[in-house]
Amino acid sequence: EAPASNLLEAICSKARALCSTFDFRAQEISSLCWGLAHFLPAGDLACYQVRSVNVLLADISENLWRVQGSFSPQNISNLLWSFAKIQHDDPMLIAMVDYRLSTDGGFKAQELSNVVWSMAVLRAEGFDPLLSSIATDLARLADADEVSCQGVANSLWAFAVLSSLPQSTPEANRACG
């Protein structure tokens, strides 16, 4: 465990230094967090120096809005998935997702499925308009046959966990039916 802890500490230290100089691009931030999520299985977080990871994630969160325009929908969904896997709740990241969905759109079915799955894992609350928008977008993509069976299953699970599936809307019913 010591070599893994030492590696994690070194990675977090270097990444924090890069964050402080604004030397990270969106793809790099997304990839770093994705790597951390795979390095830190949720059940094994106690084995590592979680404080250094949490400090790094807090630094990343502080800088998200500065670089949010350079995040692709895939970067955003991967970053949120990573935070969920690590169990790092960040309402600012979800607010960024909400902002980007409302201004840019362009999210593919897989990315929307990842976003709603991540929100369910984090038990994100207070984002009903965002969830309704995701349900509408998934319904549109389902009508165009662009949602995989896995995407449907993950999205249904997530909406059930969040108890926010807006069942009264035709869009939501089509996305799930």
C-alpha atoms as a PDB file:
ATOM      1  CA  GLU A   1       0.000   0.000   0.000  1.00  0.00           C
ATOM      2  CA  ALA A   2       2.824   2.441   0.728  1.00  0.00           C
ATOM      3  CA  PRO A   3       4.002   2.613  -2.921  1.00  0.00           C
ATOM      4  CA  ALA A   4       0.436   3.276  -4.069  1.00  0.00           C
ATOM      5  CA  SER A   5      -0.041   5.941  -1.391  1.00  0.00           C
ATOM      6  CA  ASN A   6       3.268   7.566  -2.330  1.00  0.00           C
ATOM      7  CA  LEU A   7       2.296   7.568  -6.007  1.00  0.00           C
ATOM      8  CA  LEU A   8      -1.102   9.055  -5.206  1.00  0.00           C
ATOM      9  CA  GLU A   9       0.477  11.754  -3.055  1.00  0.00           C
ATOM     10  CA  ALA A  10       2.963  12.647  -5.815  1.00  0.00           C
ATOM     11  CA  ILE A  11       0.242  12.775  -8.470  1.00  0.00           C
ATOM     12  CA  CYS A  12      -2.000  14.942  -6.313  1.00  0.00           C
ATOM     13  CA  SER A  13       0.885  17.278  -5.443  1.00  0.00           C
ATOM     14  CA  LYS A  14       1.876  17.748  -9.104  1.00  0.00           C
ATOM     15  CA  ALA A  15      -1.731  18.187 -10.206  1.00  0.00           C
ATOM     16  CA  ARG A  16      -2.373  20.788  -7.499  1.00  0.00           C
ATOM     17  CA  ALA A  17       0.699  22.711  -8.647  1.00  0.00           C
ATOM     18  CA  LEU A  18      -0.607  22.671 -12.219  1.00  0.00           C
ATOM     19  CA  CYS A  19      -4.062  23.802 -11.063  1.00  0.00           C
ATOM     20  CA  SER A  20      -2.571  26.745  -9.197  1.00  0.00           C
ATOM     21  CA  THR A  21      -0.782  27.960 -12.336  1.00  0.00           C
ATOM     22  CA  PHE A  22      -3.834  27.337 -14.540  1.00  0.00           C
ATOM     23  CA  ASP A  23      -1.744  24.922 -16.589  1.00  0.00           C
ATOM     24  CA  PHE A  24      -4.525  22.348 -16.995  1.00  0.00           C
ATOM     25  CA  ARG A  25      -6.811  22.086 -19.988  1.00  0.00           C
ATOM     26  CA  ALA A  26     -10.291  20.560 -19.884  1.00  0.00           C
ATOM     27  CA  GLN A  27      -9.230  17.249 -21.433  1.00  0.00           C
ATOM     28  CA  GLU A  28      -6.358  16.922 -18.946  1.00  0.00           C
ATOM     29  CA  ILE A  29      -8.595  17.662 -15.958  1.00  0.00           C
ATOM     30  CA  SER A  30     -11.159  15.151 -17.166  1.00  0.00           C
ATOM     31  CA  SER A  31      -8.508  12.496 -17.824  1.00  0.00           C
ATOM     32  CA  LEU A  32      -6.809  13.059 -14.463  1.00  0.00           C
ATOM     33  CA  CYS A  33     -10.074  12.623 -12.575  1.00  0.00           C
ATOM     34  CA  TRP A  34     -11.014   9.596 -14.669  1.00  0.00           C
ATOM     35  CA  GLY A  35      -7.634   8.052 -13.796  1.00  0.00           C
ATOM     36  CA  LEU A  36      -8.102   8.829 -10.103  1.00  0.00           C
ATOM     37  CA  ALA A  37     -11.530   7.221 -10.175  1.00  0.00           C
ATOM     38  CA  HIS A  38     -10.015   4.017 -11.525  1.00  0.00           C
ATOM     39  CA  PHE A  39      -7.040   4.181  -9.157  1.00  0.00           C
ATOM     40  CA  LEU A  40      -9.302   4.670  -6.138  1.00  0.00           C
ATOM     41  CA  PRO A  41     -12.016   2.010  -6.048  1.00  0.00           C
ATOM     42  CA  ALA A  42     -14.894   3.415  -3.991  1.00  0.00           C
ATOM     43  CA  GLY A  43     -14.646   0.781  -1.267  1.00  0.00           C
ATOM     44  CA  ASP A  44     -10.882   1.212  -0.876  1.00  0.00           C
ATOM     45  CA  LEU A  45     -10.689   4.975  -0.383  1.00  0.00           C
ATOM     46  CA  ALA A  46      -9.771   4.557   3.280  1.00  0.00           C
ATOM     47  CA  CYS A  47      -6.578   2.751   2.244  1.00  0.00           C
ATOM     48  CA  TYR A  48      -5.160   5.838   0.610  1.00  0.00           C
ATOM     49  CA  GLN A  49      -4.471   9.394   1.675  1.00  0.00           C
ATOM     50  CA  VAL A  50      -7.921  10.630   0.834  1.00  0.00           C
ATOM     51  CA  ARG A  51      -7.171  14.118   2.131  1.00  0.00           C
ATOM     52  CA  SER A  52      -4.763  14.792  -0.749  1.00  0.00           C
ATOM     53  CA  VAL A  53      -7.382  13.622  -3.243  1.00  0.00           C
ATOM     54  CA  ASN A  54     -10.102  15.776  -1.683  1.00  0.00           C
ATOM     55  CA  VAL A  55      -7.815  18.821  -1.669  1.00  0.00           C
ATOM     56  CA  LEU A  56      -6.980  18.227  -5.332  1.00  0.00           C
ATOM     57  CA  LEU A  57     -10.655  17.827  -6.257  1.00  0.00           C
ATOM     58  CA  ALA A  58     -11.468  21.033  -4.350  1.00  0.00           C
ATOM     59  CA  ASP A  59      -8.733  22.837  -6.337  1.00  0.00           C
ATOM     60  CA  ILE A  60     -10.141  21.463  -9.581  1.00  0.00           C
ATOM     61  CA  SER A  61     -13.645  22.544  -8.574  1.00  0.00           C
ATOM     62  CA  GLU A  62     -12.423  26.070  -7.861  1.00  0.00           C
ATOM     63  CA  ASN A  63     -11.046  26.340 -11.393  1.00  0.00           C
ATOM     64  CA  LEU A  64     -13.923  24.710 -13.303  1.00  0.00           C
ATOM     65  CA  TRP A  65     -15.792  27.875 -14.186  1.00  0.00           C
ATOM     66  CA  ARG A  66     -12.608  29.481 -15.482  1.00  0.00           C
ATOM     67  CA  VAL A  67     -12.174  26.732 -18.069  1.00  0.00           C
ATOM     68  CA  GLN A  68     -15.748  25.479 -18.411  1.00  0.00           C
ATOM     69  CA  GLY A  69     -16.096  26.824 -21.939  1.00  0.00           C
ATOM     70  CA  SER A  70     -13.336  24.513 -23.127  1.00  0.00           C
ATOM     71  CA  PHE A  71     -14.998  21.367 -21.742  1.00  0.00           C
ATOM     72  CA  SER A  72     -16.661  19.210 -24.358  1.00  0.00           C
ATOM     73  CA  PRO A  73     -19.844  17.391 -23.351  1.00  0.00           C
ATOM     74  CA  GLN A  74     -17.746  14.217 -23.116  1.00  0.00           C
ATOM     75  CA  ASN A  75     -15.217  15.943 -20.811  1.00  0.00           C
ATOM     76  CA  ILE A  76     -18.063  17.153 -18.601  1.00  0.00           C
ATOM     77  CA  SER A  77     -19.783  13.774 -18.379  1.00  0.00           C
ATOM     78  CA  ASN A  78     -16.472  11.988 -17.717  1.00  0.00           C
ATOM     79  CA  LEU A  79     -15.557  14.490 -15.011  1.00  0.00           C
ATOM     80  CA  LEU A  80     -18.922  14.148 -13.286  1.00  0.00           C
ATOM     81  CA  TRP A  81     -18.727  10.342 -13.575  1.00  0.00           C
ATOM     82  CA  SER A  82     -15.269  10.448 -11.975  1.00  0.00           C
ATOM     83  CA  PHE A  83     -16.441  12.630  -9.116  1.00  0.00           C
ATOM     84  CA  ALA A  84     -19.357  10.241  -8.542  1.00  0.00           C
ATOM     85  CA  LYS A  85     -17.120   7.181  -8.577  1.00  0.00           C
ATOM     86  CA  ILE A  86     -14.793   8.793  -6.034  1.00  0.00           C
ATOM     87  CA  GLN A  87     -17.878   9.940  -4.069  1.00  0.00           C
ATOM     88  CA  HIS A  88     -16.854  13.602  -4.258  1.00  0.00           C
ATOM     89  CA  ASP A  89     -20.042  15.638  -4.272  1.00  0.00           C
ATOM     90  CA  ASP A  90     -19.627  18.920  -6.103  1.00  0.00           C
ATOM     91  CA  PRO A  91     -22.796  20.980  -6.675  1.00  0.00           C
ATOM     92  CA  MET A  92     -20.734  23.505  -8.679  1.00  0.00           C
ATOM     93  CA  LEU A  93     -19.896  20.821 -11.236  1.00  0.00           C
ATOM     94  CA  ILE A  94     -23.560  19.881 -11.549  1.00  0.00           C
ATOM     95  CA  ALA A  95     -24.400  23.584 -11.904  1.00  0.00           C
ATOM     96  CA  MET A  96     -21.828  23.745 -14.718  1.00  0.00           C
ATOM     97  CA  VAL A  97     -23.525  20.761 -16.395  1.00  0.00           C
ATOM     98  CA  ASP A  98     -26.873  22.535 -16.034  1.00  0.00           C
ATOM     99  CA  TYR A  99     -25.443  25.737 -17.517  1.00  0.00           C
ATOM    100  CA  ARG A 100     -23.793  23.937 -20.437  1.00  0.00           C
ATOM    101  CA  LEU A 101     -26.907  21.883 -21.234  1.00  0.00           C
ATOM    102  CA  SER A 102     -29.055  25.005 -21.234  1.00  0.00           C
ATOM    103  CA  THR A 103     -26.663  27.079 -23.353  1.00  0.00           C
ATOM    104  CA  ASP A 104     -24.826  24.661 -25.626  1.00  0.00           C
ATOM    105  CA  GLY A 105     -26.645  21.365 -25.698  1.00  0.00           C
ATOM    106  CA  GLY A 106     -24.814  18.952 -27.950  1.00  0.00           C
ATOM    107  CA  PHE A 107     -24.733  16.142 -25.397  1.00  0.00           C
ATOM    108  CA  LYS A 108     -24.977  12.654 -26.856  1.00  0.00           C
ATOM    109  CA  ALA A 109     -27.126   9.944 -25.298  1.00  0.00           C
ATOM    110  CA  GLN A 110     -24.145   8.267 -23.586  1.00  0.00           C
ATOM    111  CA  GLU A 111     -23.063  11.575 -22.064  1.00  0.00           C
ATOM    112  CA  LEU A 112     -26.566  12.339 -20.794  1.00  0.00           C
ATOM    113  CA  SER A 113     -26.835   8.836 -19.370  1.00  0.00           C
ATOM    114  CA  ASN A 114     -23.475   9.307 -17.594  1.00  0.00           C
ATOM    115  CA  VAL A 115     -24.609  12.656 -16.189  1.00  0.00           C
ATOM    116  CA  VAL A 116     -27.885  11.382 -14.753  1.00  0.00           C
ATOM    117  CA  TRP A 117     -26.196   8.196 -13.456  1.00  0.00           C
ATOM    118  CA  SER A 118     -23.554  10.327 -11.719  1.00  0.00           C
ATOM    119  CA  MET A 119     -26.183  12.580 -10.207  1.00  0.00           C
ATOM    120  CA  ALA A 120     -27.975   9.502  -8.839  1.00  0.00           C
ATOM    121  CA  VAL A 121     -24.773   8.073  -7.353  1.00  0.00           C
ATOM    122  CA  LEU A 122     -24.115  11.424  -5.667  1.00  0.00           C
ATOM    123  CA  ARG A 123     -27.780  11.693  -4.639  1.00  0.00           C
ATOM    124  CA  ALA A 124     -27.825  15.203  -6.091  1.00  0.00           C
ATOM    125  CA  GLU A 125     -30.907  17.108  -5.020  1.00  0.00           C
ATOM    126  CA  GLY A 126     -32.495  20.320  -6.184  1.00  0.00           C
ATOM    127  CA  PHE A 127     -31.812  19.878  -9.882  1.00  0.00           C
ATOM    128  CA  ASP A 128     -35.306  18.960 -11.114  1.00  0.00           C
ATOM    129  CA  PRO A 129     -35.215  21.343 -14.109  1.00  0.00           C
ATOM    130  CA  LEU A 130     -31.901  19.804 -15.199  1.00  0.00           C
ATOM    131  CA  LEU A 131     -33.298  16.288 -14.817  1.00  0.00           C
ATOM    132  CA  SER A 132     -36.386  17.243 -16.787  1.00  0.00           C
ATOM    133  CA  SER A 133     -34.170  18.664 -19.533  1.00  0.00           C
ATOM    134  CA  ILE A 134     -32.097  15.471 -19.595  1.00  0.00           C
ATOM    135  CA  ALA A 135     -35.268  13.361 -19.804  1.00  0.00           C
ATOM    136  CA  THR A 136     -36.499  15.489 -22.714  1.00  0.00           C
ATOM    137  CA  ASP A 137     -33.164  15.197 -24.522  1.00  0.00           C
ATOM    138  CA  LEU A 138     -33.005  11.431 -23.924  1.00  0.00           C
ATOM    139  CA  ALA A 139     -36.539  11.077 -25.280  1.00  0.00           C
ATOM    140  CA  ARG A 140     -35.568  12.993 -28.421  1.00  0.00           C
ATOM    141  CA  LEU A 141     -32.487  10.811 -28.859  1.00  0.00           C
ATOM    142  CA  ALA A 142     -34.512   7.652 -28.171  1.00  0.00           C
ATOM    143  CA  ASP A 143     -36.958   8.685 -30.902  1.00  0.00           C
ATOM    144  CA  ALA A 144     -33.972   8.916 -33.247  1.00  0.00           C
ATOM    145  CA  ASP A 145     -32.817   5.467 -32.054  1.00  0.00           C
ATOM    146  CA  GLU A 146     -29.588   6.914 -30.630  1.00  0.00           C
ATOM    147  CA  VAL A 147     -29.862   5.511 -27.091  1.00  0.00           C
ATOM    148  CA  SER A 148     -28.294   2.130 -26.357  1.00  0.00           C
ATOM    149  CA  CYS A 149     -30.024  -0.455 -24.185  1.00  0.00           C
ATOM    150  CA  GLN A 150     -27.341   0.154 -21.553  1.00  0.00           C
ATOM    151  CA  GLY A 151     -28.007   3.882 -21.711  1.00  0.00           C
ATOM    152  CA  VAL A 152     -31.724   3.308 -21.222  1.00  0.00           C
ATOM    153  CA  ALA A 153     -31.107   0.954 -18.283  1.00  0.00           C
ATOM    154  CA  ASN A 154     -28.638   3.313 -16.592  1.00  0.00           C
ATOM    155  CA  SER A 155     -30.906   6.307 -17.099  1.00  0.00           C
ATOM    156  CA  LEU A 156     -33.971   4.492 -15.780  1.00  0.00           C
ATOM    157  CA  TRP A 157     -32.046   3.381 -12.706  1.00  0.00           C
ATOM    158  CA  ALA A 158     -30.758   6.905 -12.129  1.00  0.00           C
ATOM    159  CA  PHE A 159     -34.157   8.542 -12.464  1.00  0.00           C
ATOM    160  CA  ALA A 160     -35.646   5.933 -10.140  1.00  0.00           C
ATOM    161  CA  VAL A 161     -32.947   6.576  -7.542  1.00  0.00           C
ATOM    162  CA  LEU A 162     -33.471  10.300  -7.795  1.00  0.00           C
ATOM    163  CA  SER A 163     -37.259   9.831  -7.770  1.00  0.00           C
ATOM    164  CA  SER A 164     -37.375  12.655 -10.262  1.00  0.00           C
ATOM    165  CA  LEU A 165     -38.611  11.056 -13.440  1.00  0.00           C
ATOM    166  CA  PRO A 166     -41.165  13.572 -14.694  1.00  0.00           C
ATOM    167  CA  GLN A 167     -43.676  10.876 -15.653  1.00  0.00           C
ATOM    168  CA  SER A 168     -46.338  13.346 -16.613  1.00  0.00           C
ATOM    169  CA  THR A 169     -44.446  14.543 -19.667  1.00  0.00           C
ATOM    170  CA  PRO A 170     -44.759  12.716 -22.992  1.00  0.00           C
ATOM    171  CA  GLU A 171     -41.016  13.163 -23.559  1.00  0.00           C
ATOM    172  CA  ALA A 172     -40.119  11.309 -20.385  1.00  0.00           C
ATOM    173  CA  ASN A 173     -42.587   8.525 -21.117  1.00  0.00           C
ATOM    174  CA  ARG A 174     -41.109   8.029 -24.612  1.00  0.00           C
ATOM    175  CA  ALA A 175     -37.554   7.973 -23.241  1.00  0.00           C
ATOM    176  CA  CYS A 176     -38.442   5.193 -20.849  1.00  0.00           C
ATOM    177  CA  GLY A 177     -40.983   3.281 -22.816  1.00  0.00           C
END
